[in-house]
Amino acid sequence: MANPHFLVAGLGNMTHPRTRHSIGHLMIDVLAARLGASLSSERLGFCATRTVQLEQGAVTLTLFKPSMPRTVGVQASHSYSRVIHLGALMNISGRPVAEKLRATAVKPTSMIVIHDSLDHRMCTVYPKAGGSAGGHNGVRSIITALGNINDFHRLRLGIGRDENIVEYVLGPLSAQELEHWSVTGPGSDLVWNALSKIIQKSLKG
């Protein structure tokens, strides 16, 4: 019998690595390093799959950083002639996440999405099961791409808040934040413990 399979997707902007807005991407890198996995480039983004042993038995984890094609057509007035070079954008990350979910044959309730949260104190972790996007455009994009299904799990990583929100979220993570969320930092332990609790609760049904 196959192990239970969970998809862990971290949100971010490929064009703004190691920023607060891309902390979900960073955490996928950190989790991959913790598990001794190497992320491989694929059409939908970057991915690694590992079998891990938890209290209730072995589970398969797929770690995923969504990406988008380098050129994305955008409707401008009455034509689609405008082409923008984006790499990967948070606000349109729903499509690759939804495609990866279908490709791995994982149901939405077995998916955990990791993303930044302005509404929580810096360097904190807050799990959430289902519900609205809470104002996060990346999560909203996923819900839309799944046909308004919202019963997947989220891990909200607190980044705090500043007066100029745009500059703040797209600004680089401080040395303190990078250390906190590093492979050996307390933040990655918080994330791993939260992931484990979500998975084990899901296995209990």
N, C-alpha and C. Protein backbone atom coordinates (compact mmCIF):
# COMPACT_ATOMS: atom_id res chain seq x y z
N MET A 1 0.84 -1.19 0.00
CA MET A 1 0.00 0.00 0.00
C MET A 1 0.88 1.25 0.00
N ALA A 2 0.51 2.22 -0.84
CA ALA A 2 1.30 3.45 -0.94
C ALA A 2 1.17 4.28 0.33
N ASN A 3 2.25 5.00 0.63
CA ASN A 3 2.22 5.89 1.80
C ASN A 3 1.25 7.04 1.55
N PRO A 4 0.64 7.59 2.60
CA PRO A 4 -0.13 8.82 2.45
C PRO A 4 0.75 9.92 1.86
N HIS A 5 0.19 10.71 0.97
CA HIS A 5 0.97 11.69 0.21
C HIS A 5 0.47 13.10 0.55
N PHE A 6 1.41 14.01 0.85
CA PHE A 6 1.07 15.39 1.16
C PHE A 6 1.90 16.33 0.28
N LEU A 7 1.26 17.37 -0.22
CA LEU A 7 1.93 18.39 -1.02
C LEU A 7 2.15 19.62 -0.17
N VAL A 8 3.40 20.08 -0.10
CA VAL A 8 3.75 21.29 0.65
C VAL A 8 4.23 22.34 -0.36
N ALA A 9 3.43 23.38 -0.56
CA ALA A 9 3.75 24.41 -1.55
C ALA A 9 4.11 25.70 -0.86
N GLY A 10 5.25 26.27 -1.21
CA GLY A 10 5.68 27.55 -0.64
C GLY A 10 5.51 28.66 -1.66
N LEU A 11 4.85 29.74 -1.28
CA LEU A 11 4.58 30.83 -2.21
C LEU A 11 5.67 31.91 -2.14
N GLY A 12 5.87 32.56 -3.28
CA GLY A 12 6.86 33.63 -3.35
C GLY A 12 6.96 34.17 -4.76
N ASN A 13 7.81 35.16 -4.94
CA ASN A 13 8.10 35.73 -6.25
C ASN A 13 9.52 35.34 -6.65
N MET A 14 9.66 34.60 -7.74
CA MET A 14 10.99 34.23 -8.22
C MET A 14 11.84 35.46 -8.52
N THR A 15 11.16 36.55 -8.88
CA THR A 15 11.88 37.78 -9.21
C THR A 15 12.37 38.53 -7.97
N HIS A 16 11.90 38.12 -6.79
CA HIS A 16 12.31 38.77 -5.54
C HIS A 16 12.68 37.73 -4.49
N PRO A 17 13.77 37.00 -4.72
CA PRO A 17 14.16 35.95 -3.76
C PRO A 17 14.65 36.54 -2.44
N ARG A 18 14.49 35.75 -1.38
CA ARG A 18 14.99 36.12 -0.05
C ARG A 18 14.41 37.44 0.45
N THR A 19 13.19 37.73 0.01
CA THR A 19 12.44 38.87 0.53
C THR A 19 11.32 38.33 1.43
N ARG A 20 10.69 39.24 2.17
CA ARG A 20 9.61 38.80 3.06
C ARG A 20 8.46 38.19 2.26
N HIS A 21 8.19 38.73 1.08
CA HIS A 21 7.09 38.21 0.26
C HIS A 21 7.39 36.80 -0.26
N SER A 22 8.67 36.45 -0.32
CA SER A 22 9.07 35.14 -0.85
C SER A 22 9.51 34.18 0.25
N ILE A 23 9.06 34.42 1.47
CA ILE A 23 9.48 33.57 2.58
C ILE A 23 8.98 32.14 2.42
N GLY A 24 7.87 31.97 1.70
CA GLY A 24 7.38 30.61 1.43
C GLY A 24 8.34 29.82 0.56
N HIS A 25 8.91 30.49 -0.46
CA HIS A 25 9.93 29.85 -1.29
C HIS A 25 11.15 29.48 -0.46
N LEU A 26 11.58 30.43 0.37
CA LEU A 26 12.74 30.18 1.22
C LEU A 26 12.52 28.96 2.11
N MET A 27 11.31 28.84 2.66
CA MET A 27 11.06 27.72 3.57
C MET A 27 11.05 26.38 2.85
N ILE A 28 10.66 26.35 1.58
CA ILE A 28 10.76 25.11 0.82
C ILE A 28 12.22 24.72 0.65
N ASP A 29 13.08 25.70 0.38
CA ASP A 29 14.53 25.43 0.29
C ASP A 29 15.06 24.86 1.61
N VAL A 30 14.60 25.47 2.72
CA VAL A 30 15.06 25.05 4.04
C VAL A 30 14.57 23.63 4.36
N LEU A 31 13.31 23.35 4.08
CA LEU A 31 12.77 22.01 4.35
C LEU A 31 13.48 20.96 3.49
N ALA A 32 13.76 21.31 2.24
CA ALA A 32 14.48 20.37 1.37
C ALA A 32 15.86 20.06 1.96
N ALA A 33 16.54 21.10 2.45
CA ALA A 33 17.86 20.89 3.04
C ALA A 33 17.76 20.02 4.30
N ARG A 34 16.74 20.25 5.11
CA ARG A 34 16.55 19.44 6.32
C ARG A 34 16.33 17.97 5.98
N LEU A 35 15.66 17.72 4.88
CA LEU A 35 15.34 16.35 4.49
C LEU A 35 16.40 15.74 3.58
N GLY A 36 17.45 16.49 3.28
CA GLY A 36 18.50 15.98 2.39
C GLY A 36 18.02 15.80 0.97
N ALA A 37 17.08 16.65 0.53
CA ALA A 37 16.51 16.54 -0.81
C ALA A 37 17.01 17.68 -1.69
N SER A 38 17.08 17.42 -2.98
CA SER A 38 17.47 18.44 -3.95
C SER A 38 16.27 18.81 -4.80
N LEU A 39 15.97 20.10 -4.87
CA LEU A 39 14.86 20.55 -5.69
C LEU A 39 15.26 20.51 -7.16
N SER A 40 14.39 19.93 -7.98
CA SER A 40 14.64 19.83 -9.41
C SER A 40 13.71 20.76 -10.17
N SER A 41 14.24 21.38 -11.22
CA SER A 41 13.43 22.26 -12.05
C SER A 41 12.51 21.45 -12.94
N GLU A 42 11.26 21.89 -13.03
CA GLU A 42 10.29 21.24 -13.90
C GLU A 42 9.39 22.31 -14.49
N ARG A 43 8.45 21.92 -15.33
CA ARG A 43 7.61 22.89 -16.02
C ARG A 43 6.83 23.79 -15.06
N LEU A 44 6.38 23.24 -13.96
CA LEU A 44 5.53 23.99 -13.04
C LEU A 44 6.30 24.75 -11.97
N GLY A 45 7.60 24.46 -11.83
CA GLY A 45 8.38 25.12 -10.80
C GLY A 45 9.56 24.27 -10.36
N PHE A 46 9.78 24.17 -9.05
CA PHE A 46 10.87 23.38 -8.49
C PHE A 46 10.30 22.42 -7.46
N CYS A 47 10.77 21.17 -7.50
CA CYS A 47 10.08 20.14 -6.74
C CYS A 47 11.06 19.09 -6.21
N ALA A 48 10.72 18.53 -5.06
CA ALA A 48 11.46 17.39 -4.49
C ALA A 48 10.47 16.53 -3.72
N THR A 49 10.66 15.22 -3.78
CA THR A 49 9.77 14.29 -3.06
C THR A 49 10.61 13.40 -2.17
N ARG A 50 10.17 13.25 -0.93
CA ARG A 50 10.87 12.43 0.05
C ARG A 50 9.87 11.66 0.90
N THR A 51 10.29 10.48 1.34
CA THR A 51 9.52 9.72 2.32
C THR A 51 10.08 10.01 3.70
N VAL A 52 9.21 10.38 4.62
CA VAL A 52 9.65 10.70 5.98
C VAL A 52 8.88 9.85 6.97
N GLN A 53 9.51 9.60 8.09
CA GLN A 53 8.91 8.77 9.13
C GLN A 53 8.37 9.65 10.24
N LEU A 54 7.08 9.58 10.48
CA LEU A 54 6.45 10.30 11.58
C LEU A 54 5.93 9.29 12.60
N GLU A 55 5.35 9.80 13.68
CA GLU A 55 4.89 8.91 14.75
C GLU A 55 3.91 7.87 14.26
N GLN A 56 3.06 8.25 13.31
CA GLN A 56 2.02 7.33 12.83
C GLN A 56 2.43 6.53 11.62
N GLY A 57 3.70 6.63 11.23
CA GLY A 57 4.19 5.85 10.10
C GLY A 57 4.81 6.71 9.02
N ALA A 58 5.12 6.09 7.92
CA ALA A 58 5.79 6.76 6.81
C ALA A 58 4.79 7.54 5.96
N VAL A 59 5.20 8.73 5.53
CA VAL A 59 4.40 9.53 4.61
C VAL A 59 5.32 10.05 3.51
N THR A 60 4.73 10.33 2.37
CA THR A 60 5.46 10.92 1.26
C THR A 60 5.18 12.41 1.21
N LEU A 61 6.24 13.20 1.20
CA LEU A 61 6.11 14.65 1.12
C LEU A 61 6.65 15.14 -0.22
N THR A 62 5.86 15.92 -0.92
CA THR A 62 6.34 16.61 -2.11
C THR A 62 6.46 18.09 -1.78
N LEU A 63 7.67 18.61 -1.86
CA LEU A 63 7.94 20.03 -1.63
C LEU A 63 7.92 20.74 -2.97
N PHE A 64 7.26 21.90 -3.02
CA PHE A 64 7.03 22.53 -4.32
C PHE A 64 7.11 24.05 -4.23
N LYS A 65 7.92 24.64 -5.14
CA LYS A 65 7.96 26.09 -5.33
C LYS A 65 7.35 26.39 -6.69
N PRO A 66 6.14 26.97 -6.76
CA PRO A 66 5.51 27.22 -8.05
C PRO A 66 6.22 28.29 -8.84
N SER A 67 6.19 28.12 -10.16
CA SER A 67 6.76 29.09 -11.07
C SER A 67 5.77 29.30 -12.20
N MET A 68 6.04 30.26 -13.04
CA MET A 68 5.22 30.51 -14.21
C MET A 68 6.13 30.58 -15.42
N PRO A 69 5.59 30.37 -16.63
CA PRO A 69 6.41 30.52 -17.84
C PRO A 69 7.04 31.90 -17.89
N ARG A 70 8.18 31.99 -18.52
CA ARG A 70 8.91 33.25 -18.58
C ARG A 70 8.12 34.35 -19.29
N THR A 71 7.26 33.97 -20.22
CA THR A 71 6.44 34.98 -20.89
C THR A 71 4.99 34.64 -20.65
N VAL A 72 4.24 35.61 -20.22
CA VAL A 72 2.84 35.41 -19.93
C VAL A 72 2.04 36.44 -20.70
N GLY A 73 1.08 35.99 -21.50
CA GLY A 73 0.26 36.92 -22.27
C GLY A 73 -0.77 37.57 -21.36
N VAL A 74 -0.92 38.88 -21.51
CA VAL A 74 -1.87 39.62 -20.71
C VAL A 74 -2.80 40.39 -21.63
N GLN A 75 -4.10 40.32 -21.38
CA GLN A 75 -5.04 41.02 -22.22
C GLN A 75 -4.91 42.53 -22.01
N ALA A 76 -4.71 43.25 -23.10
CA ALA A 76 -4.62 44.71 -23.04
C ALA A 76 -5.67 45.27 -23.98
N SER A 77 -6.64 46.01 -23.48
CA SER A 77 -7.79 46.52 -24.23
C SER A 77 -8.46 45.38 -24.99
N HIS A 78 -8.31 45.39 -26.36
CA HIS A 78 -9.03 44.41 -27.17
C HIS A 78 -8.09 43.37 -27.77
N SER A 79 -6.91 43.24 -27.25
CA SER A 79 -5.98 42.27 -27.84
C SER A 79 -5.15 41.61 -26.76
N TYR A 80 -4.45 40.55 -27.17
CA TYR A 80 -3.55 39.85 -26.25
C TYR A 80 -2.09 40.11 -26.68
N SER A 81 -1.86 41.24 -27.35
CA SER A 81 -0.56 41.47 -27.95
C SER A 81 0.51 41.81 -26.94
N ARG A 82 0.12 42.27 -25.76
CA ARG A 82 1.11 42.66 -24.77
C ARG A 82 1.69 41.41 -24.12
N VAL A 83 3.01 41.34 -24.01
CA VAL A 83 3.69 40.23 -23.35
C VAL A 83 4.57 40.78 -22.25
N ILE A 84 4.45 40.20 -21.06
CA ILE A 84 5.26 40.67 -19.95
C ILE A 84 6.20 39.57 -19.51
N HIS A 85 7.37 39.94 -19.08
CA HIS A 85 8.38 39.00 -18.62
C HIS A 85 8.39 39.02 -17.10
N LEU A 86 7.86 37.96 -16.50
CA LEU A 86 7.61 37.99 -15.07
C LEU A 86 8.36 36.95 -14.26
N GLY A 87 8.77 35.83 -14.87
CA GLY A 87 9.33 34.74 -14.09
C GLY A 87 8.22 34.07 -13.32
N ALA A 88 8.05 34.44 -12.07
CA ALA A 88 6.95 33.90 -11.27
C ALA A 88 6.37 35.00 -10.43
N LEU A 89 5.07 35.12 -10.42
CA LEU A 89 4.41 36.15 -9.64
C LEU A 89 3.51 35.51 -8.61
N MET A 90 3.54 36.06 -7.41
CA MET A 90 2.73 35.54 -6.32
C MET A 90 1.26 35.49 -6.69
N ASN A 91 0.77 36.56 -7.32
CA ASN A 91 -0.67 36.70 -7.54
C ASN A 91 -1.23 35.75 -8.57
N ILE A 92 -0.39 35.07 -9.34
CA ILE A 92 -0.86 34.10 -10.32
C ILE A 92 -0.25 32.73 -10.06
N SER A 93 0.05 32.46 -8.81
CA SER A 93 0.66 31.17 -8.46
C SER A 93 -0.36 30.04 -8.36
N GLY A 94 -1.64 30.38 -8.41
CA GLY A 94 -2.67 29.36 -8.25
C GLY A 94 -2.64 28.28 -9.31
N ARG A 95 -2.42 28.66 -10.56
CA ARG A 95 -2.47 27.68 -11.64
C ARG A 95 -1.42 26.59 -11.48
N PRO A 96 -0.13 26.93 -11.30
CA PRO A 96 0.85 25.85 -11.13
C PRO A 96 0.62 25.01 -9.88
N VAL A 97 0.14 25.62 -8.78
CA VAL A 97 -0.13 24.86 -7.58
C VAL A 97 -1.28 23.88 -7.82
N ALA A 98 -2.35 24.35 -8.48
CA ALA A 98 -3.49 23.48 -8.78
C ALA A 98 -3.07 22.34 -9.71
N GLU A 99 -2.23 22.64 -10.71
CA GLU A 99 -1.77 21.60 -11.63
C GLU A 99 -0.90 20.58 -10.90
N LYS A 100 -0.06 21.05 -9.99
CA LYS A 100 0.79 20.13 -9.24
C LYS A 100 -0.05 19.25 -8.33
N LEU A 101 -1.08 19.82 -7.75
CA LEU A 101 -1.99 19.06 -6.90
C LEU A 101 -2.62 17.92 -7.69
N ARG A 102 -3.07 18.22 -8.90
CA ARG A 102 -3.68 17.18 -9.74
C ARG A 102 -2.65 16.16 -10.20
N ALA A 103 -1.45 16.62 -10.50
CA ALA A 103 -0.41 15.72 -11.00
C ALA A 103 0.04 14.73 -9.94
N THR A 104 0.00 15.14 -8.67
CA THR A 104 0.41 14.25 -7.59
C THR A 104 -0.75 13.45 -7.02
N ALA A 105 -1.96 13.67 -7.59
CA ALA A 105 -3.17 12.96 -7.15
C ALA A 105 -3.44 13.15 -5.67
N VAL A 106 -3.10 14.34 -5.18
CA VAL A 106 -3.33 14.68 -3.77
C VAL A 106 -4.62 15.49 -3.68
N LYS A 107 -5.45 15.18 -2.71
CA LYS A 107 -6.67 15.96 -2.50
C LYS A 107 -6.32 17.27 -1.80
N PRO A 108 -7.13 18.31 -1.98
CA PRO A 108 -6.82 19.61 -1.37
C PRO A 108 -6.58 19.55 0.14
N THR A 109 -7.28 18.69 0.85
CA THR A 109 -7.09 18.61 2.30
C THR A 109 -5.75 18.01 2.68
N SER A 110 -5.01 17.49 1.69
CA SER A 110 -3.66 16.97 1.94
C SER A 110 -2.59 17.91 1.41
N MET A 111 -2.97 19.16 1.23
CA MET A 111 -2.01 20.17 0.78
C MET A 111 -1.82 21.21 1.87
N ILE A 112 -0.56 21.61 2.09
CA ILE A 112 -0.21 22.66 3.03
C ILE A 112 0.50 23.76 2.26
N VAL A 113 -0.03 24.98 2.31
CA VAL A 113 0.55 26.12 1.61
C VAL A 113 1.25 27.01 2.62
N ILE A 114 2.52 27.31 2.37
CA ILE A 114 3.32 28.16 3.26
C ILE A 114 3.43 29.55 2.63
N HIS A 115 3.07 30.58 3.39
CA HIS A 115 3.12 31.94 2.83
C HIS A 115 3.38 32.97 3.92
N ASP A 116 3.73 34.17 3.49
CA ASP A 116 4.00 35.27 4.40
C ASP A 116 2.69 35.82 4.97
N SER A 117 2.77 36.43 6.14
CA SER A 117 1.59 37.04 6.75
C SER A 117 1.95 38.36 7.41
N LEU A 118 1.34 39.43 6.91
CA LEU A 118 1.51 40.75 7.51
C LEU A 118 0.78 40.87 8.83
N ASP A 119 -0.18 40.01 9.05
CA ASP A 119 -1.05 40.12 10.23
C ASP A 119 -0.49 39.42 11.46
N HIS A 120 0.70 38.84 11.34
CA HIS A 120 1.28 38.13 12.48
C HIS A 120 2.69 38.66 12.76
N ARG A 121 3.05 38.59 14.02
CA ARG A 121 4.35 39.10 14.45
C ARG A 121 5.49 38.42 13.70
N MET A 122 6.55 39.16 13.49
CA MET A 122 7.72 38.65 12.79
C MET A 122 8.25 37.37 13.47
N CYS A 123 8.61 36.41 12.65
CA CYS A 123 9.25 35.17 13.10
C CYS A 123 8.31 34.26 13.90
N THR A 124 7.01 34.32 13.59
CA THR A 124 6.05 33.42 14.22
C THR A 124 5.40 32.54 13.16
N VAL A 125 4.79 31.44 13.59
CA VAL A 125 4.13 30.50 12.69
C VAL A 125 2.71 30.26 13.17
N TYR A 126 1.74 30.47 12.27
CA TYR A 126 0.34 30.27 12.62
C TYR A 126 -0.34 29.36 11.60
N PRO A 127 -0.71 28.14 12.00
CA PRO A 127 -1.43 27.24 11.08
C PRO A 127 -2.88 27.70 10.91
N LYS A 128 -3.45 27.35 9.78
CA LYS A 128 -4.86 27.61 9.52
C LYS A 128 -5.39 26.52 8.61
N ALA A 129 -6.56 25.98 8.93
CA ALA A 129 -7.19 24.94 8.12
C ALA A 129 -8.37 25.52 7.37
N GLY A 130 -8.24 25.64 6.05
CA GLY A 130 -9.34 26.12 5.22
C GLY A 130 -9.69 27.57 5.46
N GLY A 131 -10.84 27.96 4.91
CA GLY A 131 -11.32 29.32 5.09
C GLY A 131 -10.90 30.25 3.96
N SER A 132 -11.12 31.53 4.17
CA SER A 132 -10.85 32.53 3.14
C SER A 132 -9.35 32.76 2.96
N ALA A 133 -9.03 33.57 1.96
CA ALA A 133 -7.62 33.87 1.67
C ALA A 133 -7.02 34.83 2.68
N GLY A 134 -7.85 35.47 3.48
CA GLY A 134 -7.34 36.40 4.48
C GLY A 134 -6.58 37.57 3.89
N GLY A 135 -6.97 37.97 2.68
CA GLY A 135 -6.31 39.10 2.04
C GLY A 135 -5.02 38.77 1.32
N HIS A 136 -4.63 37.49 1.30
CA HIS A 136 -3.38 37.11 0.64
C HIS A 136 -3.67 36.73 -0.81
N ASN A 137 -3.08 37.47 -1.75
CA ASN A 137 -3.39 37.26 -3.16
C ASN A 137 -2.94 35.91 -3.70
N GLY A 138 -1.83 35.41 -3.18
CA GLY A 138 -1.37 34.09 -3.63
C GLY A 138 -2.34 33.00 -3.23
N VAL A 139 -2.82 33.06 -2.00
CA VAL A 139 -3.79 32.07 -1.52
C VAL A 139 -5.10 32.22 -2.29
N ARG A 140 -5.51 33.46 -2.53
CA ARG A 140 -6.73 33.71 -3.31
C ARG A 140 -6.61 33.10 -4.71
N SER A 141 -5.44 33.22 -5.31
CA SER A 141 -5.20 32.66 -6.64
C SER A 141 -5.34 31.14 -6.63
N ILE A 142 -4.86 30.50 -5.57
CA ILE A 142 -4.98 29.05 -5.46
C ILE A 142 -6.44 28.63 -5.33
N ILE A 143 -7.17 29.33 -4.46
CA ILE A 143 -8.59 29.02 -4.27
C ILE A 143 -9.34 29.13 -5.60
N THR A 144 -9.07 30.18 -6.35
CA THR A 144 -9.72 30.38 -7.65
C THR A 144 -9.35 29.25 -8.62
N ALA A 145 -8.06 28.90 -8.67
CA ALA A 145 -7.60 27.85 -9.59
C ALA A 145 -8.18 26.48 -9.24
N LEU A 146 -8.54 26.29 -7.98
CA LEU A 146 -9.13 25.02 -7.54
C LEU A 146 -10.65 25.02 -7.66
N GLY A 147 -11.20 26.04 -8.32
CA GLY A 147 -12.64 26.10 -8.47
C GLY A 147 -13.35 26.50 -7.20
N ASN A 148 -12.73 27.43 -6.47
CA ASN A 148 -13.26 27.95 -5.20
C ASN A 148 -13.25 26.93 -4.06
N ILE A 149 -12.41 25.92 -4.19
CA ILE A 149 -12.18 24.99 -3.07
C ILE A 149 -11.14 25.61 -2.16
N ASN A 150 -11.45 25.70 -0.87
CA ASN A 150 -10.53 26.38 0.05
C ASN A 150 -10.18 25.55 1.28
N ASP A 151 -10.43 24.23 1.22
CA ASP A 151 -10.23 23.42 2.43
C ASP A 151 -8.82 22.83 2.54
N PHE A 152 -7.81 23.57 2.02
CA PHE A 152 -6.43 23.15 2.20
C PHE A 152 -5.84 23.87 3.41
N HIS A 153 -4.74 23.34 3.91
CA HIS A 153 -4.09 23.91 5.09
C HIS A 153 -3.14 25.03 4.68
N ARG A 154 -2.91 25.95 5.61
CA ARG A 154 -1.93 27.02 5.39
C ARG A 154 -1.02 27.12 6.61
N LEU A 155 0.22 27.46 6.37
CA LEU A 155 1.15 27.85 7.43
C LEU A 155 1.53 29.29 7.15
N ARG A 156 1.06 30.19 8.00
CA ARG A 156 1.31 31.61 7.82
C ARG A 156 2.54 32.00 8.63
N LEU A 157 3.56 32.46 7.92
CA LEU A 157 4.81 32.86 8.57
C LEU A 157 4.78 34.37 8.78
N GLY A 158 4.80 34.79 10.05
CA GLY A 158 4.68 36.19 10.37
C GLY A 158 5.88 37.00 9.92
N ILE A 159 5.59 38.12 9.24
CA ILE A 159 6.67 39.02 8.81
C ILE A 159 6.51 40.40 9.43
N GLY A 160 5.47 40.60 10.25
CA GLY A 160 5.25 41.91 10.83
C GLY A 160 4.70 42.88 9.80
N ARG A 161 4.73 44.15 10.13
CA ARG A 161 4.12 45.15 9.26
C ARG A 161 4.88 46.48 9.38
N ASP A 162 4.87 47.24 8.28
CA ASP A 162 5.49 48.56 8.26
C ASP A 162 4.55 49.51 7.54
N GLU A 163 4.79 50.81 7.65
CA GLU A 163 3.89 51.79 7.04
C GLU A 163 3.83 51.64 5.53
N ASN A 164 4.98 51.48 4.87
CA ASN A 164 5.01 51.29 3.42
C ASN A 164 5.01 49.79 3.14
N ILE A 165 3.82 49.22 2.97
CA ILE A 165 3.69 47.77 2.88
C ILE A 165 4.42 47.20 1.67
N VAL A 166 4.27 47.85 0.50
CA VAL A 166 4.88 47.31 -0.71
C VAL A 166 6.39 47.22 -0.57
N GLU A 167 7.02 48.33 -0.16
CA GLU A 167 8.48 48.31 0.00
C GLU A 167 8.89 47.31 1.09
N TYR A 168 8.07 47.20 2.11
CA TYR A 168 8.41 46.31 3.23
C TYR A 168 8.39 44.85 2.80
N VAL A 169 7.30 44.40 2.15
CA VAL A 169 7.21 42.98 1.81
C VAL A 169 8.20 42.59 0.71
N LEU A 170 8.53 43.55 -0.16
CA LEU A 170 9.48 43.25 -1.23
C LEU A 170 10.92 43.55 -0.83
N GLY A 171 11.09 44.00 0.41
CA GLY A 171 12.44 44.26 0.92
C GLY A 171 13.12 42.98 1.36
N PRO A 172 14.44 42.97 1.41
CA PRO A 172 15.18 41.76 1.78
C PRO A 172 14.96 41.39 3.24
N LEU A 173 14.94 40.11 3.51
CA LEU A 173 14.89 39.64 4.88
C LEU A 173 16.15 40.09 5.62
N SER A 174 15.99 40.51 6.85
CA SER A 174 17.13 40.95 7.64
C SER A 174 18.01 39.75 8.02
N ALA A 175 19.20 40.03 8.49
CA ALA A 175 20.09 38.96 8.92
C ALA A 175 19.46 38.16 10.05
N GLN A 176 18.74 38.85 10.93
CA GLN A 176 18.06 38.18 12.04
C GLN A 176 16.98 37.23 11.53
N GLU A 177 16.20 37.70 10.55
CA GLU A 177 15.14 36.87 9.99
C GLU A 177 15.72 35.66 9.25
N LEU A 178 16.76 35.89 8.47
CA LEU A 178 17.38 34.78 7.74
C LEU A 178 17.92 33.73 8.69
N GLU A 179 18.52 34.17 9.78
CA GLU A 179 19.04 33.23 10.77
C GLU A 179 17.89 32.46 11.43
N HIS A 180 16.83 33.17 11.76
CA HIS A 180 15.69 32.53 12.41
C HIS A 180 15.09 31.43 11.54
N TRP A 181 14.94 31.70 10.23
CA TRP A 181 14.30 30.75 9.33
C TRP A 181 15.28 29.79 8.67
N SER A 182 16.54 29.81 9.07
CA SER A 182 17.55 28.95 8.45
C SER A 182 17.36 27.48 8.86
N VAL A 183 18.12 26.60 8.23
CA VAL A 183 18.03 25.16 8.51
C VAL A 183 18.28 24.87 9.98
N THR A 184 19.19 25.61 10.59
CA THR A 184 19.53 25.38 12.00
C THR A 184 18.82 26.34 12.95
N GLY A 185 18.00 27.23 12.39
CA GLY A 185 17.33 28.23 13.22
C GLY A 185 16.05 27.71 13.85
N PRO A 186 15.55 28.41 14.87
CA PRO A 186 14.32 27.98 15.55
C PRO A 186 13.08 28.03 14.67
N GLY A 187 13.09 28.92 13.66
CA GLY A 187 11.93 29.05 12.79
C GLY A 187 11.64 27.80 11.99
N SER A 188 12.71 27.16 11.50
CA SER A 188 12.48 25.94 10.71
C SER A 188 11.97 24.80 11.59
N ASP A 189 12.37 24.80 12.87
CA ASP A 189 11.82 23.81 13.81
C ASP A 189 10.32 24.06 14.02
N LEU A 190 9.94 25.33 14.15
CA LEU A 190 8.53 25.67 14.31
C LEU A 190 7.71 25.20 13.11
N VAL A 191 8.25 25.45 11.92
CA VAL A 191 7.55 25.05 10.70
C VAL A 191 7.43 23.54 10.61
N TRP A 192 8.53 22.83 10.87
CA TRP A 192 8.49 21.37 10.78
C TRP A 192 7.53 20.78 11.81
N ASN A 193 7.53 21.31 13.01
CA ASN A 193 6.62 20.81 14.04
C ASN A 193 5.16 21.07 13.65
N ALA A 194 4.89 22.24 13.08
CA ALA A 194 3.53 22.56 12.65
C ALA A 194 3.09 21.66 11.50
N LEU A 195 3.99 21.43 10.54
CA LEU A 195 3.69 20.51 9.44
C LEU A 195 3.38 19.11 9.96
N SER A 196 4.21 18.64 10.88
CA SER A 196 4.03 17.29 11.42
C SER A 196 2.68 17.16 12.11
N LYS A 197 2.29 18.18 12.88
CA LYS A 197 1.00 18.15 13.57
C LYS A 197 -0.17 18.11 12.59
N ILE A 198 -0.08 18.91 11.53
CA ILE A 198 -1.14 18.92 10.50
C ILE A 198 -1.27 17.54 9.87
N ILE A 199 -0.13 16.96 9.49
CA ILE A 199 -0.14 15.67 8.81
C ILE A 199 -0.67 14.58 9.74
N GLN A 200 -0.19 14.56 10.97
CA GLN A 200 -0.63 13.52 11.90
C GLN A 200 -2.11 13.65 12.25
N LYS A 201 -2.61 14.88 12.34
CA LYS A 201 -4.04 15.08 12.59
C LYS A 201 -4.84 14.61 11.39
N SER A 202 -4.33 14.86 10.18
CA SER A 202 -5.02 14.42 8.97
C SER A 202 -5.07 12.90 8.88
N LEU A 203 -3.99 12.24 9.29
CA LEU A 203 -3.95 10.77 9.25
C LEU A 203 -4.93 10.14 10.23
N LYS A 204 -5.19 10.85 11.32
CA LYS A 204 -6.14 10.33 12.30
C LYS A 204 -7.59 10.46 11.81
N GLY A 205 -7.76 11.30 10.77
CA GLY A 205 -9.08 11.47 10.21
C GLY A 205 -9.97 12.34 11.02
